[in-house]
Amino acid sequence: MALVCLMQASAQDSTKAPDPVKTTTITGSVDVYYRFNFANAKSSLATNNATSFTNSHNSFELGMASLKVAHSFGKIGAVLDMGFGSRAKEFSYNETGITQAVKQAYVTFAPSSKVTFTMGKFATHVGYELLDPQLNRNYSMSYMFSYGPFSHTGLKMDVALSGTTGFMIGVANPTDYISAPFEKKFFIAQFHAGTKDGKFTGYLNYVGGKDTSKTTQNQVDLTILTKLTAKFGIGFNATLKSVKPDGVSSKTWSGAAIYLNADPTDKFGFTVRGEYFHDKDNATTYFGTNLYEITGTLNIKPVAGIIIMPELRYDGAKDAYFTKHDGTATKSTFSFLLAAVYSF
């Protein structure tokens, strides 16, 4: 009788659903760089850099030391992504103290395999380029990345319609603010679709609302990724943003960039980025002219985890926006950059 009872209990226990599996992953990176602008201006105000994260001249610089912890337990997950250095400070420019080091911090809930809710601070869905340098092919950033949104703090829902198609909608604080208790909220959205073989993926992005200065913003962004062969691909990004201060007529800035990506071997690749940035209306409040840049970057990978990135960049403007060695204005400038990125 005892044996029968034991067998029955074992049979009942075997039908219980297994406990959800807990998983934790830890990743990180460190990047350093040296930049030299050939105008070689003596003033620290004339580095001839108008994009994010590389505002230096003739100096070795720490970009960012980053550590990311992701934990999941069944349908629940959480991510804490911290960064330290000038790159992280610029990314969280609206924050001070320890919150400036928080790149991302959010909780996820997936009630089904096709729906995921995310709440917290997360990197923007807009654009081609990303904050972490190991995820980009160029080290210096585009104008569109630098003057578009960096992050959003709010609640979003991702829905997978099929294996290659889906959408996201959400509500968030004004762009790049962790806390904004008395401000109206922004609406964020994305639709993406691609081919089953992964050779083409397109993203249509939107973010809009009224910011902390009561300025109405609306931005539409298109990003396309293609993999034509195993060794060559093309990326494309185009953005249009309208800015309307309270009681003032609206202004717009826009841009477009193409990325030519080649990887002849596993240890060597290169990317050429060509970008045009239209800000004649001075909607960014920085330029008041149209600019363009051509950037060529090598991606050298001598061992797993490290990328050496020599880079040449040419910036030009319709009007004399940049500065020569003697302090006079010029329409163009040329820079060299060498970066090392280690990630794990």
Protein backbone atom coordinates (compact mmCIF):
# COMPACT_ATOMS: atom_id res chain seq x y z
CA MET A 1 0.00 0.00 0.00
CA ALA A 2 2.89 2.38 0.83
CA LEU A 3 4.49 1.60 -2.54
CA VAL A 4 1.22 2.30 -4.39
CA CYS A 5 0.79 5.63 -2.58
CA LEU A 6 4.38 6.62 -3.39
CA MET A 7 3.94 5.78 -7.07
CA GLN A 8 0.67 7.76 -7.19
CA ALA A 9 2.31 10.82 -5.58
CA SER A 10 5.21 10.63 -8.02
CA ALA A 11 2.81 10.44 -10.95
CA GLN A 12 0.93 13.48 -9.70
CA ASP A 13 4.16 15.46 -9.19
CA SER A 14 5.29 14.67 -12.75
CA THR A 15 2.27 16.47 -14.17
CA LYS A 16 3.09 19.78 -12.46
CA ALA A 17 4.23 22.57 -14.75
CA PRO A 18 7.96 23.23 -14.41
CA ASP A 19 9.01 26.45 -12.73
CA PRO A 20 9.96 29.28 -15.11
CA VAL A 21 13.65 29.32 -15.98
CA LYS A 22 15.68 32.20 -14.58
CA THR A 23 18.35 33.62 -16.85
CA THR A 24 20.87 36.40 -16.27
CA THR A 25 23.25 37.84 -18.84
CA ILE A 26 26.00 40.40 -18.27
CA THR A 27 27.55 42.34 -21.14
CA GLY A 28 29.66 45.46 -21.36
CA SER A 29 32.14 47.53 -23.30
CA VAL A 30 34.94 50.07 -23.01
CA ASP A 31 35.89 52.49 -25.77
CA VAL A 32 38.67 55.07 -26.09
CA TYR A 33 39.58 57.36 -28.97
CA TYR A 34 41.93 60.04 -30.29
CA ARG A 35 40.69 62.78 -32.63
CA PHE A 36 42.71 65.34 -34.61
CA ASN A 37 41.08 68.13 -36.62
CA PHE A 38 43.43 69.35 -39.35
CA ALA A 39 42.47 72.99 -38.81
CA ASN A 40 44.49 72.55 -35.57
CA ALA A 41 42.79 75.53 -33.94
CA LYS A 42 44.24 76.71 -30.63
CA SER A 43 40.89 77.53 -29.04
CA SER A 44 38.97 74.76 -27.23
CA LEU A 45 35.80 76.28 -28.72
CA ALA A 46 36.94 75.50 -32.25
CA THR A 47 37.19 71.70 -32.36
CA ASN A 48 35.11 71.76 -35.57
CA ASN A 49 32.91 69.00 -34.18
CA ALA A 50 29.14 69.47 -34.36
CA THR A 51 27.97 65.91 -33.63
CA SER A 52 27.74 63.83 -30.48
CA PHE A 53 30.48 62.11 -28.44
CA THR A 54 33.66 63.30 -30.23
CA ASN A 55 33.96 66.96 -29.23
CA SER A 56 37.75 67.01 -28.74
CA HIS A 57 40.94 67.84 -30.61
CA ASN A 58 44.46 66.40 -30.29
CA SER A 59 43.52 64.52 -27.12
CA PHE A 60 43.14 60.92 -26.00
CA GLU A 61 39.64 60.51 -24.58
CA LEU A 62 37.57 57.93 -22.71
CA GLY A 63 34.33 57.42 -24.57
CA MET A 64 32.38 55.20 -22.20
CA ALA A 65 32.71 52.24 -19.85
CA SER A 66 29.42 50.34 -19.99
CA LEU A 67 27.87 47.45 -18.07
CA LYS A 68 24.50 45.88 -18.86
CA VAL A 69 22.65 43.29 -16.76
CA ALA A 70 19.54 41.57 -18.14
CA HIS A 71 17.46 39.14 -16.07
CA SER A 72 14.36 37.21 -17.04
CA PHE A 73 12.01 34.93 -15.11
CA GLY A 74 9.30 33.41 -17.26
CA LYS A 75 7.22 36.23 -18.72
CA ILE A 76 8.95 38.93 -16.65
CA GLY A 77 12.25 40.61 -17.42
CA ALA A 78 14.36 43.55 -16.31
CA VAL A 79 17.35 45.41 -17.78
CA LEU A 80 19.81 47.77 -16.11
CA ASP A 81 22.29 49.39 -18.50
CA MET A 82 24.85 51.76 -16.95
CA GLY A 83 27.48 53.90 -18.65
CA PHE A 84 30.31 56.08 -17.33
CA GLY A 85 32.26 58.65 -19.33
CA SER A 86 31.65 61.58 -21.64
CA ARG A 87 29.56 59.50 -24.05
CA ALA A 88 27.11 58.50 -21.31
CA LYS A 89 26.94 62.08 -19.96
CA GLU A 90 26.04 63.48 -23.37
CA PHE A 91 23.45 60.75 -23.86
CA SER A 92 21.73 61.70 -20.56
CA TYR A 93 22.36 65.43 -20.89
CA ASN A 94 19.11 66.38 -19.09
CA GLU A 95 20.09 64.48 -15.94
CA THR A 96 22.55 65.06 -13.09
CA GLY A 97 24.20 62.81 -10.53
CA ILE A 98 23.87 59.04 -10.68
CA THR A 99 20.87 59.14 -13.04
CA GLN A 100 23.21 60.52 -15.71
CA ALA A 101 24.89 57.10 -15.75
CA VAL A 102 21.60 55.28 -16.43
CA LYS A 103 21.52 54.54 -20.14
CA GLN A 104 18.54 52.19 -19.85
CA ALA A 105 16.51 50.77 -16.97
CA TYR A 106 13.23 49.02 -17.68
CA VAL A 107 10.93 46.11 -16.84
CA THR A 108 9.23 43.91 -19.44
CA PHE A 109 6.13 41.71 -19.34
CA ALA A 110 5.27 39.33 -22.19
CA PRO A 111 1.74 37.91 -21.72
CA SER A 112 2.20 35.98 -24.99
CA SER A 113 4.91 35.22 -27.53
CA LYS A 114 3.58 38.04 -29.73
CA VAL A 115 3.07 40.88 -27.24
CA THR A 116 5.62 42.54 -24.95
CA PHE A 117 5.09 45.52 -22.65
CA THR A 118 8.11 47.63 -21.62
CA MET A 119 8.13 50.31 -18.92
CA GLY A 120 11.08 52.48 -17.91
CA LYS A 121 13.90 54.27 -19.75
CA PHE A 122 14.92 52.77 -23.10
CA ALA A 123 16.99 53.88 -26.08
CA THR A 124 15.08 55.50 -28.93
CA HIS A 125 13.71 53.47 -31.82
CA VAL A 126 14.42 56.36 -34.22
CA GLY A 127 17.37 56.27 -36.61
CA TYR A 128 20.09 53.97 -37.93
CA GLU A 129 22.82 54.56 -35.34
CA LEU A 130 23.01 53.47 -31.68
CA LEU A 131 24.67 54.74 -28.50
CA ASP A 132 27.01 51.78 -27.90
CA PRO A 133 30.01 52.13 -30.25
CA GLN A 134 30.44 48.40 -30.89
CA LEU A 135 26.97 48.39 -32.49
CA ASN A 136 27.93 51.03 -35.09
CA ARG A 137 30.16 50.77 -38.14
CA ASN A 138 31.37 54.40 -37.83
CA TYR A 139 32.75 55.73 -34.55
CA SER A 140 31.78 59.38 -35.01
CA MET A 141 28.05 60.03 -35.14
CA SER A 142 25.80 61.47 -37.83
CA TYR A 143 24.02 64.82 -37.58
CA MET A 144 20.66 63.03 -37.61
CA PHE A 145 21.58 60.93 -34.58
CA SER A 146 23.00 63.93 -32.72
CA TYR A 147 19.90 66.12 -33.08
CA GLY A 148 17.23 63.45 -32.96
CA PRO A 149 15.96 61.74 -29.80
CA PHE A 150 18.35 59.71 -27.63
CA SER A 151 15.99 57.97 -25.23
CA HIS A 152 12.40 57.71 -24.00
CA THR A 153 11.02 57.06 -20.51
CA GLY A 154 7.53 55.64 -20.59
CA LEU A 155 5.41 52.62 -21.49
CA LYS A 156 5.36 50.88 -24.87
CA MET A 157 3.81 47.77 -26.40
CA ASP A 158 5.54 45.68 -29.09
CA VAL A 159 3.34 43.40 -31.19
CA ALA A 160 4.66 40.75 -33.58
CA LEU A 161 2.20 40.32 -36.46
CA SER A 162 4.36 37.65 -38.10
CA GLY A 163 7.95 36.50 -38.06
CA THR A 164 9.13 39.58 -39.96
CA THR A 165 6.38 42.15 -39.38
CA GLY A 166 5.27 44.03 -36.31
CA PHE A 167 4.57 47.37 -34.70
CA MET A 168 5.17 49.33 -31.52
CA ILE A 169 3.10 52.07 -29.87
CA GLY A 170 3.76 53.89 -26.63
CA VAL A 171 3.52 56.98 -24.48
CA ALA A 172 6.54 58.65 -22.88
CA ASN A 173 7.86 61.75 -21.15
CA PRO A 174 9.17 64.52 -23.40
CA THR A 175 12.20 63.25 -25.32
CA ASP A 176 15.35 62.56 -23.25
CA TYR A 177 13.72 63.28 -19.85
CA ILE A 178 13.63 60.60 -17.15
CA SER A 179 11.28 62.69 -14.99
CA ALA A 180 8.66 65.17 -16.22
CA PRO A 181 5.73 65.05 -13.78
CA PHE A 182 3.86 68.16 -14.93
CA GLU A 183 4.51 67.88 -18.66
CA LYS A 184 2.36 66.52 -21.45
CA LYS A 185 3.42 63.17 -22.82
CA PHE A 186 4.88 62.20 -26.18
CA PHE A 187 3.50 59.53 -28.48
CA ILE A 188 5.97 57.05 -29.98
CA ALA A 189 5.36 54.46 -32.69
CA GLN A 190 7.10 52.13 -35.11
CA PHE A 191 6.13 49.77 -37.90
CA HIS A 192 8.65 47.29 -39.29
CA ALA A 193 8.60 44.67 -42.01
CA GLY A 194 11.19 42.52 -43.73
CA THR A 195 11.82 39.54 -45.95
CA LYS A 196 12.03 36.02 -44.53
CA ASP A 197 15.64 35.61 -45.65
CA GLY A 198 16.68 38.67 -43.63
CA LYS A 199 18.11 40.51 -46.63
CA PHE A 200 15.73 43.48 -46.28
CA THR A 201 14.23 45.15 -43.24
CA GLY A 202 12.45 48.50 -43.09
CA TYR A 203 11.40 50.62 -40.10
CA LEU A 204 8.98 53.55 -40.16
CA ASN A 205 9.30 55.53 -36.91
CA TYR A 206 7.45 58.40 -35.27
CA VAL A 207 7.82 60.52 -32.12
CA GLY A 208 5.86 63.66 -31.29
CA GLY A 209 4.43 65.83 -28.56
CA LYS A 210 4.89 69.09 -26.67
CA ASP A 211 8.21 69.43 -24.83
CA THR A 212 9.09 71.19 -21.56
CA SER A 213 9.41 74.58 -23.31
CA LYS A 214 5.87 74.19 -24.78
CA THR A 215 7.32 73.55 -28.23
CA THR A 216 5.40 71.07 -30.39
CA GLN A 217 7.65 68.50 -32.04
CA ASN A 218 6.86 65.91 -34.70
CA GLN A 219 9.46 63.61 -36.23
CA VAL A 220 9.07 60.94 -38.90
CA ASP A 221 11.98 58.63 -39.62
CA LEU A 222 12.64 55.87 -42.17
CA THR A 223 15.42 53.31 -41.72
CA ILE A 224 16.21 50.55 -44.22
CA LEU A 225 18.72 47.72 -43.78
CA THR A 226 19.77 45.51 -46.69
CA LYS A 227 22.17 42.59 -46.97
CA LEU A 228 22.86 42.18 -50.67
CA THR A 229 25.53 39.50 -50.24
CA ALA A 230 27.29 37.83 -47.34
CA LYS A 231 30.00 40.50 -47.56
CA PHE A 232 28.17 43.66 -48.64
CA GLY A 233 25.16 45.58 -47.38
CA ILE A 234 23.58 49.01 -47.60
CA GLY A 235 21.87 51.03 -44.90
CA PHE A 236 19.68 54.08 -45.42
CA ASN A 237 18.21 56.61 -43.00
CA ALA A 238 16.01 59.65 -43.66
CA THR A 239 14.40 61.95 -41.08
CA LEU A 240 12.10 64.97 -41.08
CA LYS A 241 11.38 66.94 -37.91
CA SER A 242 9.10 69.93 -37.41
CA VAL A 243 9.50 72.28 -34.44
CA LYS A 244 6.80 74.80 -33.48
CA PRO A 245 7.37 77.00 -30.41
CA ASP A 246 4.22 78.29 -28.72
CA GLY A 247 2.83 81.21 -30.75
CA VAL A 248 5.56 80.99 -33.42
CA SER A 249 5.44 79.51 -36.91
CA SER A 250 6.94 76.05 -37.32
CA LYS A 251 10.42 75.27 -38.64
CA THR A 252 11.83 72.01 -39.96
CA TRP A 253 15.12 70.21 -40.25
CA SER A 254 15.72 67.06 -42.26
CA GLY A 255 18.47 64.71 -43.26
CA ALA A 256 19.36 61.62 -45.23
CA ALA A 257 22.32 59.26 -45.06
CA ILE A 258 23.52 56.16 -46.87
CA TYR A 259 25.85 53.56 -45.37
CA LEU A 260 27.93 51.27 -47.60
CA ASN A 261 29.09 48.31 -45.51
CA ALA A 262 31.66 45.76 -46.71
CA ASP A 263 33.30 42.86 -44.88
CA PRO A 264 35.87 41.13 -47.13
CA THR A 265 36.95 38.90 -44.20
CA ASP A 266 35.84 38.13 -40.66
CA LYS A 267 38.65 40.30 -39.31
CA PHE A 268 38.38 43.30 -41.64
CA GLY A 269 35.54 45.51 -42.82
CA PHE A 270 34.87 49.09 -43.76
CA THR A 271 31.96 51.51 -43.98
CA VAL A 272 31.49 54.73 -45.93
CA ARG A 273 28.74 57.05 -44.68
CA GLY A 274 27.48 59.95 -46.75
CA GLU A 275 25.02 62.35 -45.09
CA TYR A 276 23.19 65.54 -46.00
CA PHE A 277 21.62 67.63 -43.23
CA HIS A 278 19.21 70.47 -44.04
CA ASP A 279 18.80 73.11 -41.31
CA LYS A 280 18.50 76.38 -43.23
CA ASP A 281 15.58 77.39 -40.96
CA ASN A 282 17.78 76.86 -37.87
CA ALA A 283 15.20 74.50 -36.40
CA THR A 284 17.97 72.90 -34.31
CA THR A 285 19.01 76.39 -33.02
CA TYR A 286 22.62 75.40 -33.83
CA PHE A 287 23.29 75.79 -37.56
CA GLY A 288 21.11 77.97 -39.75
CA THR A 289 22.73 76.38 -42.79
CA ASN A 290 22.90 73.06 -44.67
CA LEU A 291 25.70 70.61 -43.95
CA TYR A 292 27.06 67.37 -45.32
CA GLU A 293 29.68 64.86 -44.25
CA ILE A 294 31.53 61.89 -45.75
CA THR A 295 33.05 59.45 -43.27
CA GLY A 296 35.16 56.38 -43.99
CA THR A 297 35.84 53.93 -41.16
CA LEU A 298 37.82 50.69 -41.05
CA ASN A 299 36.67 47.91 -38.72
CA ILE A 300 39.74 45.83 -37.81
CA LYS A 301 39.13 42.83 -35.52
CA PRO A 302 42.48 41.22 -34.63
CA VAL A 303 40.96 39.07 -31.86
CA ALA A 304 37.44 38.36 -30.66
CA GLY A 305 35.85 41.23 -28.76
CA ILE A 306 38.00 44.13 -29.91
CA ILE A 307 37.49 46.52 -32.83
CA ILE A 308 40.15 49.00 -33.99
CA MET A 309 38.50 51.85 -35.93
CA PRO A 310 40.69 54.28 -37.93
CA GLU A 311 38.43 56.96 -39.42
CA LEU A 312 38.66 59.90 -41.83
CA ARG A 313 35.85 62.46 -41.90
CA TYR A 314 35.13 65.44 -44.15
CA ASP A 315 32.47 67.98 -43.07
CA GLY A 316 31.16 70.74 -45.29
CA ALA A 317 28.52 73.47 -45.08
CA LYS A 318 26.74 75.78 -47.51
CA ASP A 319 27.86 78.76 -45.42
CA ALA A 320 31.10 79.34 -43.51
CA TYR A 321 30.26 77.40 -40.35
CA PHE A 322 33.63 75.88 -39.37
CA THR A 323 36.84 77.58 -38.12
CA LYS A 324 40.34 77.74 -39.59
CA HIS A 325 43.60 77.68 -37.65
CA ASP A 326 43.75 81.49 -37.60
CA GLY A 327 40.18 81.82 -36.28
CA THR A 328 38.54 82.83 -39.56
CA ALA A 329 35.45 81.02 -40.84
CA THR A 330 35.49 78.31 -43.49
CA LYS A 331 32.95 76.10 -45.26
CA SER A 332 34.70 72.77 -44.65
CA THR A 333 36.94 70.84 -42.29
CA PHE A 334 38.78 67.51 -42.21
CA SER A 335 39.39 65.19 -39.23
CA PHE A 336 41.18 61.95 -38.35
CA LEU A 337 40.04 59.65 -35.56
CA LEU A 338 41.41 56.42 -34.10
CA ALA A 339 39.19 54.43 -31.72
CA ALA A 340 39.50 51.13 -29.87
CA VAL A 341 36.37 49.34 -28.65
CA TYR A 342 36.32 46.24 -26.48
CA SER A 343 33.06 44.47 -25.74
CA PHE A 344 32.08 41.27 -23.97
